[in-house]
Amino acid sequence: MGKEIEKIVLSRGHTIAGTVDPVSEANHKEITPAILEKADVVIDFSTPSSVEKNCDVYVKGKTPIVMGTTGWENIREQIGKKIDEAGIGFIWGSNFSVGANLFVNFVGKATALINKFPEYDILLHEYHHKRKKDSPSGTALMTAEEIINKSDKKSAIVTERLDRQIKADELHVSSTRGGDIPGTHIVMFDSVADTIELTHRARNRGGFALGSVIAAEWIINKKGFIKVEDFFKELLK
């Protein structure tokens, strides 16, 4: 991901103050105040165990942050408090893909339109490769939340196997794991007459890297602890 981000940063006319990775051929082995003095913003795709230590350095340097690292939910509240106290900007989330966030936006608009036609039911299925460790995916849950927010009849997300008839207000989110399938999310609006499908299929990490760089460009001189989906909604206004 770091190499993808570096390519996009340079292609968009920016310079790189420094790259940090303790186990690769990066410029530096750890984040330091000296690196941040040269930087307008930092993009962090590291590890959950390093988030708190890294953020303490970012806060001390008053450097805006784009945080693509996941798995630090247990310290999110205290990180958010530090960001607010420092008066800097921080965008965080599990999916910075431009396409995935556009997909969620499209699904929300489609759901609002389908409200006018009660004959259509809504369901969501996602596919991922055999190495993925969780299900459903974070993107599937993000999409499901958008459906719930925009739907007049769906109010509950069901992710487990159903050995009963689904209730009218339940949105079933199902998953398949196997092979080398790229991340694929499908929302279906289904009626007796026909089916409408919206699909997002990730081909590589380029979309995630591009989204993080666009977020970095946007967050400079802004304040707040901002979820990536809220950032994209603001960007799309």
Protein backbone atom coordinates (compact mmCIF):
# COMPACT_ATOMS: atom_id res chain seq x y z
CA MET A 1 0.00 0.00 0.00
CA GLY A 2 2.86 2.36 0.79
CA LYS A 3 4.32 1.94 -2.68
CA GLU A 4 0.90 2.54 -4.28
CA ILE A 5 0.42 5.72 -2.23
CA GLU A 6 3.90 6.95 -3.10
CA LYS A 7 3.22 6.57 -6.84
CA ILE A 8 -0.06 8.49 -6.61
CA VAL A 9 1.38 11.25 -4.42
CA LEU A 10 4.12 11.90 -6.98
CA SER A 11 1.74 11.64 -9.97
CA ARG A 12 -0.45 14.37 -8.45
CA GLY A 13 2.47 16.81 -8.21
CA HIS A 14 3.27 16.48 -4.51
CA THR A 15 6.57 15.74 -2.79
CA ILE A 16 7.20 13.16 -0.07
CA ALA A 17 8.70 14.39 3.19
CA GLY A 18 9.64 10.85 4.20
CA THR A 19 8.59 7.21 4.21
CA VAL A 20 8.50 5.23 7.43
CA ASP A 21 8.57 1.45 7.85
CA PRO A 22 10.59 -0.51 10.42
CA VAL A 23 11.00 -3.57 8.17
CA SER A 24 11.31 -2.21 4.63
CA GLU A 25 13.64 -0.01 2.62
CA ALA A 26 11.81 3.16 3.68
CA ASN A 27 13.70 6.37 4.48
CA HIS A 28 13.06 6.04 8.23
CA LYS A 29 12.40 3.26 10.74
CA GLU A 30 10.03 5.29 12.96
CA ILE A 31 8.00 8.50 13.05
CA THR A 32 9.93 11.45 14.45
CA PRO A 33 9.16 15.16 14.97
CA ALA A 34 11.93 15.99 12.49
CA ILE A 35 10.08 14.21 9.67
CA LEU A 36 6.81 15.93 10.52
CA GLU A 37 8.43 19.37 10.40
CA LYS A 38 8.71 18.88 6.63
CA ALA A 39 5.21 17.45 6.16
CA ASP A 40 1.79 19.05 5.61
CA VAL A 41 -0.06 15.78 6.32
CA VAL A 42 0.69 12.15 7.13
CA ILE A 43 -0.91 9.01 5.64
CA ASP A 44 -0.72 6.07 8.04
CA PHE A 45 -1.24 2.47 6.89
CA SER A 46 0.70 0.76 9.67
CA THR A 47 -0.37 -1.70 12.39
CA PRO A 48 -2.98 -1.47 15.18
CA SER A 49 -0.29 -1.75 17.85
CA SER A 50 1.52 1.35 16.55
CA VAL A 51 -1.49 3.65 16.17
CA GLU A 52 -1.44 5.18 19.65
CA LYS A 53 2.32 5.82 19.67
CA ASN A 54 2.24 7.28 16.15
CA CYS A 55 -0.73 9.52 16.93
CA ASP A 56 1.04 10.95 19.98
CA VAL A 57 3.84 12.12 17.67
CA TYR A 58 1.36 13.49 15.09
CA VAL A 59 -0.55 15.39 17.79
CA LYS A 60 2.63 16.87 19.23
CA GLY A 61 3.61 18.06 15.74
CA LYS A 62 0.07 19.35 15.00
CA THR A 63 0.12 17.32 11.78
CA PRO A 64 -3.17 16.32 10.09
CA ILE A 65 -3.65 12.58 9.65
CA VAL A 66 -5.24 10.13 7.24
CA MET A 67 -5.48 6.83 9.12
CA GLY A 68 -6.03 3.76 6.95
CA THR A 69 -4.92 1.34 9.67
CA THR A 70 -7.75 -0.73 11.16
CA GLY A 71 -8.13 -2.75 14.36
CA TRP A 72 -7.73 0.06 16.93
CA GLU A 73 -11.43 0.40 17.86
CA ASN A 74 -10.62 -0.12 21.56
CA ILE A 75 -8.68 3.18 21.71
CA ARG A 76 -10.75 5.18 19.20
CA GLU A 77 -12.43 7.35 21.83
CA GLN A 78 -9.17 8.42 23.46
CA ILE A 79 -7.53 9.07 20.07
CA GLY A 80 -10.51 11.21 19.07
CA LYS A 81 -10.18 13.22 22.28
CA LYS A 82 -6.49 13.88 21.62
CA ILE A 83 -7.25 15.02 18.07
CA ASP A 84 -9.96 17.41 19.23
CA GLU A 85 -7.69 18.85 21.93
CA ALA A 86 -4.89 19.37 19.38
CA GLY A 87 -7.27 21.13 16.97
CA ILE A 88 -6.12 19.17 13.90
CA GLY A 89 -7.82 17.07 11.24
CA PHE A 90 -7.98 13.27 11.28
CA ILE A 91 -9.78 11.06 8.72
CA TRP A 92 -10.15 7.40 9.63
CA GLY A 93 -11.94 4.36 8.27
CA SER A 94 -11.72 0.81 6.97
CA ASN A 95 -12.14 1.60 3.27
CA PHE A 96 -10.58 4.57 1.45
CA SER A 97 -11.41 3.16 -1.98
CA VAL A 98 -12.88 5.85 -4.21
CA GLY A 99 -14.96 3.27 -6.07
CA ALA A 100 -16.27 1.59 -2.93
CA ASN A 101 -17.37 4.91 -1.43
CA LEU A 102 -19.01 5.93 -4.70
CA PHE A 103 -20.74 2.53 -4.67
CA VAL A 104 -22.14 3.16 -1.18
CA ASN A 105 -23.34 6.58 -2.31
CA PHE A 106 -25.03 5.07 -5.39
CA VAL A 107 -26.69 2.41 -3.22
CA GLY A 108 -28.05 5.05 -0.87
CA LYS A 109 -29.57 7.01 -3.75
CA ALA A 110 -31.01 3.83 -5.29
CA THR A 111 -32.52 2.81 -1.96
CA ALA A 112 -34.26 6.18 -1.66
CA LEU A 113 -35.73 5.71 -5.15
CA ILE A 114 -36.87 2.15 -4.41
CA ASN A 115 -38.84 3.45 -1.42
CA LYS A 116 -41.44 4.60 -3.95
CA PHE A 117 -41.93 0.98 -5.10
CA PRO A 118 -42.70 -1.40 -2.20
CA GLU A 119 -42.72 -4.34 -4.62
CA TYR A 120 -38.89 -4.41 -4.46
CA ASP A 121 -36.98 -6.13 -1.68
CA ILE A 122 -33.31 -5.38 -0.92
CA LEU A 123 -30.47 -7.79 -0.17
CA LEU A 124 -26.66 -7.70 -0.13
CA HIS A 125 -24.04 -10.34 -0.88
CA GLU A 126 -20.26 -10.09 -0.89
CA TYR A 127 -17.43 -12.32 -2.13
CA HIS A 128 -13.79 -12.33 -1.02
CA HIS A 129 -10.73 -14.55 -1.41
CA LYS A 130 -10.00 -17.44 0.94
CA ARG A 131 -7.42 -15.45 2.92
CA LYS A 132 -9.85 -12.84 4.25
CA LYS A 133 -10.26 -13.31 8.00
CA ASP A 134 -13.61 -11.62 8.64
CA SER A 135 -17.14 -11.76 7.29
CA PRO A 136 -19.10 -9.85 6.37
CA SER A 137 -16.57 -7.30 5.15
CA GLY A 138 -16.35 -3.79 6.57
CA THR A 139 -17.48 -2.44 3.21
CA ALA A 140 -20.55 -4.70 3.28
CA LEU A 141 -21.50 -3.42 6.72
CA MET A 142 -20.88 0.20 5.65
CA THR A 143 -23.15 -0.37 2.64
CA ALA A 144 -25.77 -2.06 4.80
CA GLU A 145 -25.81 0.90 7.20
CA GLU A 146 -26.42 3.24 4.25
CA ILE A 147 -29.35 1.08 3.13
CA ILE A 148 -30.84 1.11 6.63
CA ASN A 149 -30.44 4.89 6.81
CA LYS A 150 -32.17 5.46 3.46
CA SER A 151 -34.80 2.70 3.47
CA ASP A 152 -38.38 3.17 4.65
CA LYS A 153 -38.82 -0.52 5.43
CA LYS A 154 -35.40 -1.98 6.34
CA SER A 155 -34.39 -1.35 9.96
CA ALA A 156 -32.24 -4.31 11.01
CA ILE A 157 -29.12 -5.95 9.54
CA VAL A 158 -28.92 -9.76 9.66
CA THR A 159 -25.51 -11.32 8.93
CA GLU A 160 -25.92 -14.85 10.27
CA ARG A 161 -27.34 -17.91 8.53
CA LEU A 162 -31.14 -17.85 8.43
CA ASP A 163 -33.06 -21.04 9.24
CA ARG A 164 -36.35 -19.16 9.12
CA GLN A 165 -38.24 -16.79 6.89
CA ILE A 166 -36.67 -13.36 6.84
CA LYS A 167 -38.75 -10.51 8.30
CA ALA A 168 -39.81 -7.66 6.03
CA ASP A 169 -37.75 -5.10 7.97
CA GLU A 170 -34.56 -7.19 7.93
CA LEU A 171 -31.72 -6.69 5.45
CA HIS A 172 -29.83 -9.94 4.86
CA VAL A 173 -26.08 -9.47 4.35
CA SER A 174 -24.42 -12.72 3.26
CA SER A 175 -20.83 -13.70 2.42
CA THR A 176 -18.81 -16.20 0.37
CA ARG A 177 -15.11 -16.95 0.88
CA GLY A 178 -12.90 -18.89 -1.51
CA GLY A 179 -10.23 -18.92 -4.19
CA ASP A 180 -8.65 -15.64 -5.20
CA ILE A 181 -11.87 -13.71 -5.70
CA PRO A 182 -11.29 -9.93 -5.53
CA GLY A 183 -13.49 -8.00 -3.11
CA THR A 184 -16.94 -7.97 -4.70
CA HIS A 185 -20.10 -6.40 -3.28
CA ILE A 186 -23.53 -6.78 -4.85
CA VAL A 187 -26.74 -5.06 -3.78
CA MET A 188 -29.91 -6.44 -5.35
CA PHE A 189 -33.28 -4.75 -5.60
CA ASP A 190 -35.55 -7.65 -6.42
CA SER A 191 -39.20 -7.94 -7.41
CA VAL A 192 -41.42 -10.58 -9.03
CA ALA A 193 -40.94 -8.79 -12.36
CA ASP A 194 -37.17 -8.18 -12.40
CA THR A 195 -33.92 -7.63 -10.53
CA ILE A 196 -31.74 -4.51 -10.43
CA GLU A 197 -28.12 -5.05 -9.33
CA LEU A 198 -25.40 -2.62 -8.28
CA THR A 199 -21.91 -4.16 -8.10
CA HIS A 200 -18.49 -2.99 -6.97
CA ARG A 201 -15.47 -5.20 -7.76
CA ALA A 202 -11.99 -4.22 -6.54
CA ARG A 203 -9.15 -5.09 -8.95
CA ASN A 204 -6.15 -3.84 -6.95
CA ARG A 205 -5.05 -1.48 -4.18
CA GLY A 206 -4.90 1.55 -6.47
CA GLY A 207 -8.39 2.75 -5.57
CA PHE A 208 -7.62 2.60 -1.84
CA ALA A 209 -4.36 4.50 -2.32
CA LEU A 210 -5.99 7.18 -4.47
CA GLY A 211 -8.73 7.72 -1.89
CA SER A 212 -6.22 8.16 0.91
CA VAL A 213 -4.24 10.74 -1.09
CA ILE A 214 -7.40 12.69 -1.97
CA ALA A 215 -8.31 12.63 1.73
CA ALA A 216 -4.84 13.93 2.61
CA GLU A 217 -5.22 16.81 0.15
CA TRP A 218 -8.60 17.68 1.68
CA ILE A 219 -7.82 17.45 5.41
CA ILE A 220 -5.03 20.06 5.45
CA ASN A 221 -6.14 23.15 7.45
CA LYS A 222 -9.32 21.38 8.63
CA LYS A 223 -10.23 20.19 12.11
CA GLY A 224 -12.11 17.21 13.45
CA PHE A 225 -12.19 13.44 13.91
CA ILE A 226 -13.87 12.43 10.65
CA LYS A 227 -15.04 9.02 9.39
CA VAL A 228 -13.98 8.28 5.82
CA GLU A 229 -17.58 7.81 4.66
CA ASP A 230 -18.48 11.27 6.02
CA PHE A 231 -15.48 12.72 4.19
CA PHE A 232 -16.63 11.23 0.89
CA LYS A 233 -20.19 12.46 1.46
CA GLU A 234 -18.82 15.96 2.00
CA LEU A 235 -16.62 15.62 -1.09
CA LEU A 236 -19.61 14.53 -3.20
CA LYS A 237 -21.88 17.41 -2.22
